[in-house]
Every structure is written in structure tokens, then in C-alpha cells.
Amino acid sequence: MNKTIHGHIAAFLTILIWGTTFISTKVLLISFKPVEILFIRFMIGYFALWCVCPRRLKVRRRKQEWYFAAAGLCGVTLYYLFENIALTYTLASNVGVIISIAPFFTVIFSCLFLHDRRPNIRFFAGFLIALAGIFLISFGGEKNLQLNPVGDLLAVIAAMIWAAFSTITKKISGFGYNTIQTTRRTFFYGLIFMVPALLLMDFHMELQQFASLKNVLNLLFLGFGASALCFVTWNLAVKILGSVKTSVYIYMVPVITAVTSALILHEKLTRTIVSGIVLTLIGLFLSEDRKTEKNTAKEYKAYAGTK
């Protein structure tokens, strides 16, 4: 199978799982604080990756260690903290729309720091159409748009942080290390940087919180699936497709969330939401730059041939 297809499958699998994590998080928030859920899921993910690949990563250059630290700080600690704090100030639907602008920031960072070529007009047209679709999905039900400067600004910062993480991940992929090992190293630094937040946000766990089988299963899903598996597949997709093309799949998160809400939580799919889903998929299709995809596939093939 073509490596590019592998990349698209990895990106879609990642988004498919990430789009359903809100259900698990919603259940767990009854018994756990957001920072407790964050710490537990990445601890599970970290140890899961050790079990899958028990070999220690030996970094060839000390300078490369800074990239892993930056990836852990951005993708694990800061992104989720800013997103969770934003949710305490503004609507979840606002956050969902704003986070979806991450691909736009990824383009900017990739051009500035990775010297990637500037995307064509199709990408930006697709971005605007997908954003319109996501807006309809988020506010197509009974929710009304309510702006909150603090919460919405925090969500914008979270989107920028995720774009930075994707750009750093692309840089790390060029080092030639095993994807599982690099993801595990990223988790390690993310957990280290998370410690101050645990102290400031009154981190406190009791055995009673784990007495419920529902809580345990949801934590395992977030740890093994949404953290260990998904970060590996996301990093693999970035390695094959590039940070910009992989980030475009973020448009799919509200679509998957809307569909799973209808199937699992029996929430109503209105005509407005269905229209939003269609627009989002059209935007995703338009953002696919076939010329860039062919160049990326050739670059990856050339890179793989040297290994």
C-alpha cells in the first residue's frame, strides 16, 4: 500500500478516536478534575508505550532533546491546559470552532520555521468553507453564539500551541527515530511540565474515584486509545504527510463529535448540523493539495530509502 495512503489512514484513525473522547471526558468530570484526567491518561499512555517498545531512545545529538521537551510542553501540557481552562470561561461549541483554526496557524509556522512552500488558494478556500461548516455544526442545535473574550482568546492560544506542536513533530520526524519512542519521550516531558500545574490546581485523588468500572474503562480508553495510540498515529501521519496536510484532519473532529452524539447520546441532528457536516467535508476535500501530496510522498520515499 502507498505510504501516503498509510498517512491518511493514520490521520483519520486519530481523528476518529479524538472526536469521541468528549464522551469519556464528560463522564469522568463527574468524579475527576480536568487536570487529574489529563495526568492519569498520559501516565497510562506513557507506560503503555514502554510495554509496546521497551527499548530506550538514544538521542544522537543533545540539541535534539530540546525539540522533544518543546513537543511535550506544547502538545501534552499547554494545549490541554489552555483548552480545559478555556472551557471554564466559554461554551464548548465556541472552543470547538476556534480550535479548528489550528491548520491555519500550522501553515504559518511551517512556512516560517520549516520553510515549506506556501499553500495555494484551494487550501484557504477549503479552510473558510470548513470553518463555516464547523460553525453550523457547533451552533446548529439549540445553542446560541455567546462570545467570551477571555475563554475565546485562550482557545485561540490553544490552537496556536497545537499548530506549534505539529510543526515541532514534523521536525522530530526528520531525526529518523522510531515513532513510538519519540512519542514516549514527548509524553515524558509533558508529564514533567505538568507537575507545577498539578500543584497549583489542587491535584488530589482517592481510591473511591476508581471504584466505578465506568470510570476505569473511560480512563483506559483515554490512556491507551486517545493518548498512546492516537499520538503515535498522529506523529506517523505528520511524518508521512507533513504537518499542514495532517492538521487539516482537525476539521473532522466536530463532524465525528456530532455523529457520535447522535448515535450514543441520542442528540438530535438538525438540518443545519447536516449542512455543516457537508460543508466541512467539502472544505476538507478542497484543502487537499494533490501536488503537495505527491511531493510529500516522493520526499518520504527518498527518506525511507536511506534507512
C-alpha atoms as a PDB file:
ATOM      1  CA  MET A   1       0.000   0.000   0.000  1.00  0.00           C
ATOM      2  CA  ASN A   2       1.200   3.510  -0.842  1.00  0.00           C
ATOM      3  CA  LYS A   3       2.847   5.324   2.098  1.00  0.00           C
ATOM      4  CA  THR A   4       0.629   8.341   1.508  1.00  0.00           C
ATOM      5  CA  ILE A   5      -2.459   6.179   2.000  1.00  0.00           C
ATOM      6  CA  HIS A   6      -0.910   4.913   5.244  1.00  0.00           C
ATOM      7  CA  GLY A   7      -0.583   8.529   6.345  1.00  0.00           C
ATOM      8  CA  HIS A   8      -4.224   9.341   5.580  1.00  0.00           C
ATOM      9  CA  ILE A   9      -5.425   6.204   7.381  1.00  0.00           C
ATOM     10  CA  ALA A  10      -3.315   7.113  10.434  1.00  0.00           C
ATOM     11  CA  ALA A  11      -4.659  10.694  10.463  1.00  0.00           C
ATOM     12  CA  PHE A  12      -8.279   9.551  10.044  1.00  0.00           C
ATOM     13  CA  LEU A  13      -7.961   6.897  12.776  1.00  0.00           C
ATOM     14  CA  THR A  14      -6.544   9.527  15.127  1.00  0.00           C
ATOM     15  CA  ILE A  15      -9.334  12.000  14.497  1.00  0.00           C
ATOM     16  CA  LEU A  16     -11.968   9.250  14.667  1.00  0.00           C
ATOM     17  CA  ILE A  17     -10.913   8.446  18.247  1.00  0.00           C
ATOM     18  CA  TRP A  18     -10.235  12.053  19.294  1.00  0.00           C
ATOM     19  CA  GLY A  19     -13.690  13.032  18.061  1.00  0.00           C
ATOM     20  CA  THR A  20     -15.290  10.635  20.561  1.00  0.00           C
ATOM     21  CA  THR A  21     -13.151  11.432  23.610  1.00  0.00           C
ATOM     22  CA  PHE A  22     -15.524  14.170  24.768  1.00  0.00           C
ATOM     23  CA  ILE A  23     -17.984  11.445  25.823  1.00  0.00           C
ATOM     24  CA  SER A  24     -15.408   9.778  28.091  1.00  0.00           C
ATOM     25  CA  THR A  25     -14.247  13.122  29.463  1.00  0.00           C
ATOM     26  CA  LYS A  26     -17.829  14.187  30.145  1.00  0.00           C
ATOM     27  CA  VAL A  27     -18.411  11.005  32.178  1.00  0.00           C
ATOM     28  CA  LEU A  28     -15.135  11.359  34.101  1.00  0.00           C
ATOM     29  CA  LEU A  29     -15.683  15.024  35.000  1.00  0.00           C
ATOM     30  CA  ILE A  30     -18.325  13.890  37.469  1.00  0.00           C
ATOM     31  CA  SER A  31     -15.611  12.272  39.632  1.00  0.00           C
ATOM     32  CA  PHE A  32     -12.338  13.877  38.475  1.00  0.00           C
ATOM     33  CA  LYS A  33     -10.963  17.371  37.922  1.00  0.00           C
ATOM     34  CA  PRO A  34      -9.760  18.168  34.360  1.00  0.00           C
ATOM     35  CA  VAL A  35      -6.084  18.209  35.404  1.00  0.00           C
ATOM     36  CA  GLU A  36      -6.489  14.816  37.124  1.00  0.00           C
ATOM     37  CA  ILE A  37      -7.929  13.275  33.957  1.00  0.00           C
ATOM     38  CA  LEU A  38      -5.096  14.814  31.940  1.00  0.00           C
ATOM     39  CA  PHE A  39      -2.359  13.456  34.216  1.00  0.00           C
ATOM     40  CA  ILE A  40      -3.838   9.957  34.530  1.00  0.00           C
ATOM     41  CA  ARG A  41      -4.427   9.474  30.801  1.00  0.00           C
ATOM     42  CA  PHE A  42      -0.894  10.459  29.849  1.00  0.00           C
ATOM     43  CA  MET A  43       0.617   8.343  32.636  1.00  0.00           C
ATOM     44  CA  ILE A  44      -1.296   5.349  31.256  1.00  0.00           C
ATOM     45  CA  GLY A  45      -0.205   6.261  27.735  1.00  0.00           C
ATOM     46  CA  TYR A  46       3.431   6.631  28.779  1.00  0.00           C
ATOM     47  CA  PHE A  47       3.628   3.200  30.412  1.00  0.00           C
ATOM     48  CA  ALA A  48       1.654   1.627  27.553  1.00  0.00           C
ATOM     49  CA  LEU A  49       4.269   2.840  25.065  1.00  0.00           C
ATOM     50  CA  TRP A  50       7.039   1.368  27.285  1.00  0.00           C
ATOM     51  CA  CYS A  51       5.260  -2.002  27.137  1.00  0.00           C
ATOM     52  CA  VAL A  52       4.917  -1.861  23.350  1.00  0.00           C
ATOM     53  CA  CYS A  53       8.513  -0.728  22.770  1.00  0.00           C
ATOM     54  CA  PRO A  54      10.702  -1.321  25.877  1.00  0.00           C
ATOM     55  CA  ARG A  55      13.867  -0.059  24.189  1.00  0.00           C
ATOM     56  CA  ARG A  56      15.335   3.233  25.426  1.00  0.00           C
ATOM     57  CA  LEU A  57      15.651   6.071  22.914  1.00  0.00           C
ATOM     58  CA  LYS A  58      19.260   7.144  22.495  1.00  0.00           C
ATOM     59  CA  VAL A  59      19.379  10.693  21.171  1.00  0.00           C
ATOM     60  CA  ARG A  60      22.325  11.242  18.820  1.00  0.00           C
ATOM     61  CA  ARG A  61      22.614  14.986  19.436  1.00  0.00           C
ATOM     62  CA  ARG A  62      21.952  16.812  22.694  1.00  0.00           C
ATOM     63  CA  LYS A  63      20.318  19.663  20.763  1.00  0.00           C
ATOM     64  CA  GLN A  64      17.551  17.285  19.627  1.00  0.00           C
ATOM     65  CA  GLU A  65      16.468  16.806  23.231  1.00  0.00           C
ATOM     66  CA  TRP A  66      15.174  20.386  23.252  1.00  0.00           C
ATOM     67  CA  TYR A  67      12.726  19.530  20.456  1.00  0.00           C
ATOM     68  CA  PHE A  68      11.293  16.642  22.480  1.00  0.00           C
ATOM     69  CA  ALA A  69      10.959  18.929  25.507  1.00  0.00           C
ATOM     70  CA  ALA A  70       9.209  21.579  23.392  1.00  0.00           C
ATOM     71  CA  ALA A  71       6.858  18.962  21.895  1.00  0.00           C
ATOM     72  CA  GLY A  72       5.951  17.680  25.363  1.00  0.00           C
ATOM     73  CA  LEU A  73       5.388  21.190  26.682  1.00  0.00           C
ATOM     74  CA  CYS A  74       3.185  22.199  23.729  1.00  0.00           C
ATOM     75  CA  GLY A  75       1.321  19.036  22.729  1.00  0.00           C
ATOM     76  CA  VAL A  76       0.762  17.476  26.143  1.00  0.00           C
ATOM     77  CA  THR A  77       0.868  20.148  28.847  1.00  0.00           C
ATOM     78  CA  LEU A  78      -0.004  23.583  27.459  1.00  0.00           C
ATOM     79  CA  TYR A  79      -2.514  22.597  24.776  1.00  0.00           C
ATOM     80  CA  TYR A  80      -4.760  20.594  27.083  1.00  0.00           C
ATOM     81  CA  LEU A  81      -4.425  23.042  29.967  1.00  0.00           C
ATOM     82  CA  PHE A  82      -5.380  26.030  27.804  1.00  0.00           C
ATOM     83  CA  GLU A  83      -8.241  24.086  26.234  1.00  0.00           C
ATOM     84  CA  ASN A  84      -9.598  22.940  29.609  1.00  0.00           C
ATOM     85  CA  ILE A  85      -9.282  26.407  31.144  1.00  0.00           C
ATOM     86  CA  ALA A  86     -10.985  27.917  28.073  1.00  0.00           C
ATOM     87  CA  LEU A  87     -13.919  25.533  28.628  1.00  0.00           C
ATOM     88  CA  THR A  88     -14.450  27.020  32.096  1.00  0.00           C
ATOM     89  CA  TYR A  89     -14.908  30.510  30.607  1.00  0.00           C
ATOM     90  CA  THR A  90     -16.732  29.930  27.331  1.00  0.00           C
ATOM     91  CA  LEU A  91     -19.015  27.448  25.574  1.00  0.00           C
ATOM     92  CA  ALA A  92     -17.650  24.098  24.410  1.00  0.00           C
ATOM     93  CA  SER A  93     -19.080  24.909  20.968  1.00  0.00           C
ATOM     94  CA  ASN A  94     -17.004  28.108  20.853  1.00  0.00           C
ATOM     95  CA  VAL A  95     -13.874  26.162  21.733  1.00  0.00           C
ATOM     96  CA  GLY A  96     -14.674  23.539  19.079  1.00  0.00           C
ATOM     97  CA  VAL A  97     -14.891  26.178  16.347  1.00  0.00           C
ATOM     98  CA  ILE A  98     -11.817  28.117  17.459  1.00  0.00           C
ATOM     99  CA  ILE A  99      -9.583  25.027  17.844  1.00  0.00           C
ATOM    100  CA  SER A 100     -10.417  24.175  14.237  1.00  0.00           C
ATOM    101  CA  ILE A 101      -8.341  27.142  13.030  1.00  0.00           C
ATOM    102  CA  ALA A 102      -5.188  25.244  14.078  1.00  0.00           C
ATOM    103  CA  PRO A 103      -4.412  24.219  10.439  1.00  0.00           C
ATOM    104  CA  PHE A 104      -4.188  27.919   9.513  1.00  0.00           C
ATOM    105  CA  PHE A 105      -1.550  28.532  12.186  1.00  0.00           C
ATOM    106  CA  THR A 106       0.215  25.314  11.147  1.00  0.00           C
ATOM    107  CA  VAL A 107       0.622  26.756   7.646  1.00  0.00           C
ATOM    108  CA  ILE A 108       2.152  29.933   9.054  1.00  0.00           C
ATOM    109  CA  PHE A 109       4.565  28.080  11.359  1.00  0.00           C
ATOM    110  CA  SER A 110       5.553  25.594   8.638  1.00  0.00           C
ATOM    111  CA  CYS A 111       6.390  28.413   6.234  1.00  0.00           C
ATOM    112  CA  LEU A 112       8.316  30.370   8.877  1.00  0.00           C
ATOM    113  CA  PHE A 113      10.247  27.582  10.596  1.00  0.00           C
ATOM    114  CA  LEU A 114      10.286  24.614   8.213  1.00  0.00           C
ATOM    115  CA  HIS A 115      10.484  26.716   5.031  1.00  0.00           C
ATOM    116  CA  ASP A 116       7.616  24.787   3.442  1.00  0.00           C
ATOM    117  CA  ARG A 117       6.104  26.216   0.297  1.00  0.00           C
ATOM    118  CA  ARG A 118       3.048  28.407   0.664  1.00  0.00           C
ATOM    119  CA  PRO A 119      -0.284  26.529   0.114  1.00  0.00           C
ATOM    120  CA  ASN A 120      -2.356  27.513  -2.906  1.00  0.00           C
ATOM    121  CA  ILE A 121      -5.757  29.192  -2.994  1.00  0.00           C
ATOM    122  CA  ARG A 122      -7.535  25.808  -2.690  1.00  0.00           C
ATOM    123  CA  PHE A 123      -6.229  25.376   0.852  1.00  0.00           C
ATOM    124  CA  PHE A 124      -7.507  28.749   2.052  1.00  0.00           C
ATOM    125  CA  ALA A 125     -10.853  28.315   0.244  1.00  0.00           C
ATOM    126  CA  GLY A 126     -11.229  24.917   1.880  1.00  0.00           C
ATOM    127  CA  PHE A 127     -10.276  26.423   5.244  1.00  0.00           C
ATOM    128  CA  LEU A 128     -13.027  29.055   5.036  1.00  0.00           C
ATOM    129  CA  ILE A 129     -15.668  26.574   3.843  1.00  0.00           C
ATOM    130  CA  ALA A 130     -14.732  24.041   6.540  1.00  0.00           C
ATOM    131  CA  LEU A 131     -14.801  26.769   9.193  1.00  0.00           C
ATOM    132  CA  ALA A 132     -18.299  27.777   8.050  1.00  0.00           C
ATOM    133  CA  GLY A 133     -19.385  24.135   8.268  1.00  0.00           C
ATOM    134  CA  ILE A 134     -17.892  23.733  11.745  1.00  0.00           C
ATOM    135  CA  PHE A 135     -19.700  26.897  12.845  1.00  0.00           C
ATOM    136  CA  LEU A 136     -23.012  25.429  11.663  1.00  0.00           C
ATOM    137  CA  ILE A 137     -22.310  22.124  13.448  1.00  0.00           C
ATOM    138  CA  SER A 138     -21.411  23.859  16.686  1.00  0.00           C
ATOM    139  CA  PHE A 139     -24.362  26.260  16.745  1.00  0.00           C
ATOM    140  CA  GLY A 140     -26.860  24.335  14.622  1.00  0.00           C
ATOM    141  CA  GLY A 141     -28.770  22.899  17.554  1.00  0.00           C
ATOM    142  CA  GLU A 142     -30.260  24.811  20.456  1.00  0.00           C
ATOM    143  CA  LYS A 143     -27.039  26.617  21.284  1.00  0.00           C
ATOM    144  CA  ASN A 144     -26.585  30.305  20.621  1.00  0.00           C
ATOM    145  CA  LEU A 145     -23.345  32.079  19.880  1.00  0.00           C
ATOM    146  CA  GLN A 146     -22.057  33.738  23.054  1.00  0.00           C
ATOM    147  CA  LEU A 147     -18.722  35.490  22.841  1.00  0.00           C
ATOM    148  CA  ASN A 148     -16.460  35.481  25.879  1.00  0.00           C
ATOM    149  CA  PRO A 149     -13.191  37.367  25.277  1.00  0.00           C
ATOM    150  CA  VAL A 150     -11.159  35.511  27.940  1.00  0.00           C
ATOM    151  CA  GLY A 151     -12.297  31.985  27.076  1.00  0.00           C
ATOM    152  CA  ASP A 152     -12.217  32.540  23.328  1.00  0.00           C
ATOM    153  CA  LEU A 153      -8.727  34.059  23.488  1.00  0.00           C
ATOM    154  CA  LEU A 154      -7.496  31.052  25.492  1.00  0.00           C
ATOM    155  CA  ALA A 155      -8.950  28.768  22.807  1.00  0.00           C
ATOM    156  CA  VAL A 156      -7.091  30.727  20.099  1.00  0.00           C
ATOM    157  CA  ILE A 157      -3.864  30.306  22.079  1.00  0.00           C
ATOM    158  CA  ALA A 158      -4.593  26.561  22.370  1.00  0.00           C
ATOM    159  CA  ALA A 159      -4.994  26.349  18.576  1.00  0.00           C
ATOM    160  CA  MET A 160      -1.662  28.129  18.098  1.00  0.00           C
ATOM    161  CA  ILE A 161       0.006  25.776  20.597  1.00  0.00           C
ATOM    162  CA  TRP A 162      -1.288  22.705  18.745  1.00  0.00           C
ATOM    163  CA  ALA A 163      -0.004  24.154  15.470  1.00  0.00           C
ATOM    164  CA  ALA A 164       3.395  24.647  17.126  1.00  0.00           C
ATOM    165  CA  PHE A 165       3.299  21.024  18.347  1.00  0.00           C
ATOM    166  CA  SER A 166       2.556  19.728  14.830  1.00  0.00           C
ATOM    167  CA  THR A 167       5.418  21.804  13.420  1.00  0.00           C
ATOM    168  CA  ILE A 168       7.851  20.537  16.078  1.00  0.00           C
ATOM    169  CA  THR A 169       6.667  16.955  15.455  1.00  0.00           C
ATOM    170  CA  LYS A 170       7.478  17.352  11.762  1.00  0.00           C
ATOM    171  CA  LYS A 171      10.985  18.483  12.719  1.00  0.00           C
ATOM    172  CA  ILE A 172      11.389  15.500  15.076  1.00  0.00           C
ATOM    173  CA  SER A 173      10.267  13.091  12.345  1.00  0.00           C
ATOM    174  CA  GLY A 174      13.329  14.154  10.349  1.00  0.00           C
ATOM    175  CA  PHE A 175      15.643  12.798  13.051  1.00  0.00           C
ATOM    176  CA  GLY A 176      14.917   9.246  11.892  1.00  0.00           C
ATOM    177  CA  TYR A 177      13.926   7.741  15.253  1.00  0.00           C
ATOM    178  CA  ASN A 178      11.204   5.185  15.961  1.00  0.00           C
ATOM    179  CA  THR A 179       7.790   6.901  16.172  1.00  0.00           C
ATOM    180  CA  ILE A 180       6.744   5.062  19.339  1.00  0.00           C
ATOM    181  CA  GLN A 181       9.976   6.010  21.082  1.00  0.00           C
ATOM    182  CA  THR A 182       9.720   9.668  20.078  1.00  0.00           C
ATOM    183  CA  THR A 183       6.083   9.813  21.220  1.00  0.00           C
ATOM    184  CA  ARG A 184       7.057   8.281  24.566  1.00  0.00           C
ATOM    185  CA  ARG A 185       9.841  10.827  25.014  1.00  0.00           C
ATOM    186  CA  THR A 186       7.334  13.595  24.261  1.00  0.00           C
ATOM    187  CA  PHE A 187       4.965  12.186  26.904  1.00  0.00           C
ATOM    188  CA  PHE A 188       7.814  12.092  29.425  1.00  0.00           C
ATOM    189  CA  TYR A 189       8.498  15.814  29.077  1.00  0.00           C
ATOM    190  CA  GLY A 190       4.775  16.584  29.016  1.00  0.00           C
ATOM    191  CA  LEU A 191       4.318  14.843  32.365  1.00  0.00           C
ATOM    192  CA  ILE A 192       7.351  16.642  33.829  1.00  0.00           C
ATOM    193  CA  PHE A 193       5.994  20.053  32.778  1.00  0.00           C
ATOM    194  CA  MET A 194       2.573  19.066  34.131  1.00  0.00           C
ATOM    195  CA  VAL A 195       3.834  18.771  37.735  1.00  0.00           C
ATOM    196  CA  PRO A 196       3.636  22.538  38.536  1.00  0.00           C
ATOM    197  CA  ALA A 197       0.070  22.591  37.201  1.00  0.00           C
ATOM    198  CA  LEU A 198      -0.852  19.686  39.476  1.00  0.00           C
ATOM    199  CA  LEU A 199       0.375  21.633  42.492  1.00  0.00           C
ATOM    200  CA  LEU A 200      -1.443  24.824  41.500  1.00  0.00           C
ATOM    201  CA  MET A 201      -4.744  23.145  40.556  1.00  0.00           C
ATOM    202  CA  ASP A 202      -5.267  21.143  43.749  1.00  0.00           C
ATOM    203  CA  PHE A 203      -4.483  17.705  42.324  1.00  0.00           C
ATOM    204  CA  HIS A 204      -5.930  15.127  44.715  1.00  0.00           C
ATOM    205  CA  MET A 205      -7.012  11.554  44.007  1.00  0.00           C
ATOM    206  CA  GLU A 206      -8.744   8.951  46.147  1.00  0.00           C
ATOM    207  CA  LEU A 207      -9.313   5.218  45.610  1.00  0.00           C
ATOM    208  CA  GLN A 208     -13.039   5.881  45.696  1.00  0.00           C
ATOM    209  CA  GLN A 209     -12.756   7.626  42.331  1.00  0.00           C
ATOM    210  CA  PHE A 210     -11.610   4.347  40.759  1.00  0.00           C
ATOM    211  CA  ALA A 211     -14.328   2.217  42.376  1.00  0.00           C
ATOM    212  CA  SER A 212     -16.620   2.713  39.402  1.00  0.00           C
ATOM    213  CA  LEU A 213     -15.951   0.368  36.460  1.00  0.00           C
ATOM    214  CA  LYS A 214     -17.279   3.089  34.147  1.00  0.00           C
ATOM    215  CA  ASN A 215     -14.549   5.471  35.343  1.00  0.00           C
ATOM    216  CA  VAL A 216     -11.823   2.846  34.948  1.00  0.00           C
ATOM    217  CA  LEU A 217     -12.900   1.906  31.414  1.00  0.00           C
ATOM    218  CA  ASN A 218     -13.094   5.535  30.303  1.00  0.00           C
ATOM    219  CA  LEU A 219      -9.645   6.276  31.759  1.00  0.00           C
ATOM    220  CA  LEU A 220      -8.229   3.230  29.956  1.00  0.00           C
ATOM    221  CA  PHE A 221      -9.822   4.399  26.716  1.00  0.00           C
ATOM    222  CA  LEU A 222      -8.298   7.860  27.087  1.00  0.00           C
ATOM    223  CA  GLY A 223      -4.926   6.442  28.147  1.00  0.00           C
ATOM    224  CA  PHE A 224      -4.466   3.599  25.676  1.00  0.00           C
ATOM    225  CA  GLY A 225      -6.571   4.916  22.795  1.00  0.00           C
ATOM    226  CA  ALA A 226      -6.687   8.713  22.831  1.00  0.00           C
ATOM    227  CA  SER A 227      -3.147   9.136  24.195  1.00  0.00           C
ATOM    228  CA  ALA A 228      -0.811   6.200  23.465  1.00  0.00           C
ATOM    229  CA  LEU A 229      -2.306   5.063  20.146  1.00  0.00           C
ATOM    230  CA  CYS A 230      -3.506   8.395  18.785  1.00  0.00           C
ATOM    231  CA  PHE A 231      -0.335  10.380  19.434  1.00  0.00           C
ATOM    232  CA  VAL A 232       1.680   7.639  17.707  1.00  0.00           C
ATOM    233  CA  THR A 233      -0.648   7.586  14.684  1.00  0.00           C
ATOM    234  CA  TRP A 234      -0.765  11.410  14.587  1.00  0.00           C
ATOM    235  CA  ASN A 235       3.033  11.632  14.653  1.00  0.00           C
ATOM    236  CA  LEU A 236       3.225   8.938  11.976  1.00  0.00           C
ATOM    237  CA  ALA A 237       0.778  10.879   9.788  1.00  0.00           C
ATOM    238  CA  VAL A 238       2.824  14.077  10.243  1.00  0.00           C
ATOM    239  CA  LYS A 239       5.961  12.125   9.311  1.00  0.00           C
ATOM    240  CA  ILE A 240       4.380  10.884   6.060  1.00  0.00           C
ATOM    241  CA  LEU A 241       2.006  13.688   5.014  1.00  0.00           C
ATOM    242  CA  GLY A 242       3.596  16.708   6.664  1.00  0.00           C
ATOM    243  CA  SER A 243       2.265  18.946   9.424  1.00  0.00           C
ATOM    244  CA  VAL A 244      -0.060  21.025   7.207  1.00  0.00           C
ATOM    245  CA  LYS A 245      -1.893  18.167   5.479  1.00  0.00           C
ATOM    246  CA  THR A 246      -2.271  16.215   8.710  1.00  0.00           C
ATOM    247  CA  SER A 247      -3.626  19.240  10.593  1.00  0.00           C
ATOM    248  CA  VAL A 248      -6.401  19.592   8.001  1.00  0.00           C
ATOM    249  CA  TYR A 249      -7.982  16.474   9.512  1.00  0.00           C
ATOM    250  CA  ILE A 250      -8.801  18.556  12.590  1.00  0.00           C
ATOM    251  CA  TYR A 251     -11.778  19.807  10.555  1.00  0.00           C
ATOM    252  CA  MET A 252     -13.274  16.318  11.007  1.00  0.00           C
ATOM    253  CA  VAL A 253     -13.417  16.443  14.818  1.00  0.00           C
ATOM    254  CA  PRO A 254     -16.740  18.383  15.059  1.00  0.00           C
ATOM    255  CA  VAL A 255     -18.221  16.107  12.364  1.00  0.00           C
ATOM    256  CA  ILE A 256     -17.340  12.941  14.289  1.00  0.00           C
ATOM    257  CA  THR A 257     -18.470  14.544  17.541  1.00  0.00           C
ATOM    258  CA  ALA A 258     -21.865  15.425  16.051  1.00  0.00           C
ATOM    259  CA  VAL A 259     -22.380  11.940  14.617  1.00  0.00           C
ATOM    260  CA  THR A 260     -21.313  10.109  17.795  1.00  0.00           C
ATOM    261  CA  SER A 261     -23.501  12.427  19.881  1.00  0.00           C
ATOM    262  CA  ALA A 262     -26.474  11.374  17.771  1.00  0.00           C
ATOM    263  CA  LEU A 263     -25.601   7.658  17.940  1.00  0.00           C
ATOM    264  CA  ILE A 264     -24.519   7.379  21.598  1.00  0.00           C
ATOM    265  CA  LEU A 265     -26.137  10.310  23.415  1.00  0.00           C
ATOM    266  CA  HIS A 266     -29.181  10.410  21.083  1.00  0.00           C
ATOM    267  CA  GLU A 267     -28.749  14.113  20.416  1.00  0.00           C
ATOM    268  CA  LYS A 268     -30.748  15.476  17.507  1.00  0.00           C
ATOM    269  CA  LEU A 269     -29.134  16.002  14.088  1.00  0.00           C
ATOM    270  CA  THR A 270     -30.795  19.121  12.686  1.00  0.00           C
ATOM    271  CA  ARG A 271     -30.746  20.187   9.048  1.00  0.00           C
ATOM    272  CA  THR A 272     -28.322  22.957   9.980  1.00  0.00           C
ATOM    273  CA  ILE A 273     -25.906  20.445  11.524  1.00  0.00           C
ATOM    274  CA  VAL A 274     -26.167  18.135   8.492  1.00  0.00           C
ATOM    275  CA  SER A 275     -25.470  21.119   6.213  1.00  0.00           C
ATOM    276  CA  GLY A 276     -22.461  21.940   8.392  1.00  0.00           C
ATOM    277  CA  ILE A 277     -21.161  18.378   8.055  1.00  0.00           C
ATOM    278  CA  VAL A 278     -21.442  18.567   4.268  1.00  0.00           C
ATOM    279  CA  LEU A 279     -19.656  21.950   4.146  1.00  0.00           C
ATOM    280  CA  THR A 280     -16.883  20.683   6.423  1.00  0.00           C
ATOM    281  CA  LEU A 281     -16.264  17.631   4.230  1.00  0.00           C
ATOM    282  CA  ILE A 282     -16.197  19.844   1.123  1.00  0.00           C
ATOM    283  CA  GLY A 283     -13.688  22.136   2.844  1.00  0.00           C
ATOM    284  CA  LEU A 284     -11.549  19.138   3.793  1.00  0.00           C
ATOM    285  CA  PHE A 285     -11.580  17.914   0.180  1.00  0.00           C
ATOM    286  CA  LEU A 286     -10.643  21.347  -1.195  1.00  0.00           C
ATOM    287  CA  SER A 287      -7.788  21.696   1.301  1.00  0.00           C
ATOM    288  CA  GLU A 288      -6.199  18.539  -0.090  1.00  0.00           C
ATOM    289  CA  ASP A 289      -3.432  19.857  -2.331  1.00  0.00           C
ATOM    290  CA  ARG A 290      -2.682  16.930  -4.672  1.00  0.00           C
ATOM    291  CA  LYS A 291       0.548  18.475  -5.924  1.00  0.00           C
ATOM    292  CA  THR A 292       1.848  18.852  -2.377  1.00  0.00           C
ATOM    293  CA  GLU A 293       0.750  15.290  -1.594  1.00  0.00           C
ATOM    294  CA  LYS A 294       2.787  13.892  -4.495  1.00  0.00           C
ATOM    295  CA  ASN A 295       5.861  15.890  -3.465  1.00  0.00           C
ATOM    296  CA  THR A 296       5.482  14.765   0.142  1.00  0.00           C
ATOM    297  CA  ALA A 297       5.181  11.130  -0.936  1.00  0.00           C
ATOM    298  CA  LYS A 298       8.359  11.435  -3.028  1.00  0.00           C
ATOM    299  CA  GLU A 299      10.218  13.083  -0.123  1.00  0.00           C
ATOM    300  CA  TYR A 300       9.139  10.336   2.286  1.00  0.00           C
ATOM    301  CA  LYS A 301      10.072   7.607  -0.210  1.00  0.00           C
ATOM    302  CA  ALA A 302      13.506   9.153  -0.658  1.00  0.00           C
ATOM    303  CA  TYR A 303      13.926   9.472   3.108  1.00  0.00           C
ATOM    304  CA  ALA A 304      12.806   5.868   3.727  1.00  0.00           C
ATOM    305  CA  GLY A 305      15.192   4.640   1.064  1.00  0.00           C
ATOM    306  CA  THR A 306      18.151   5.909   3.056  1.00  0.00           C
ATOM    307  CA  LYS A 307      17.167   3.908   6.155  1.00  0.00           C
END
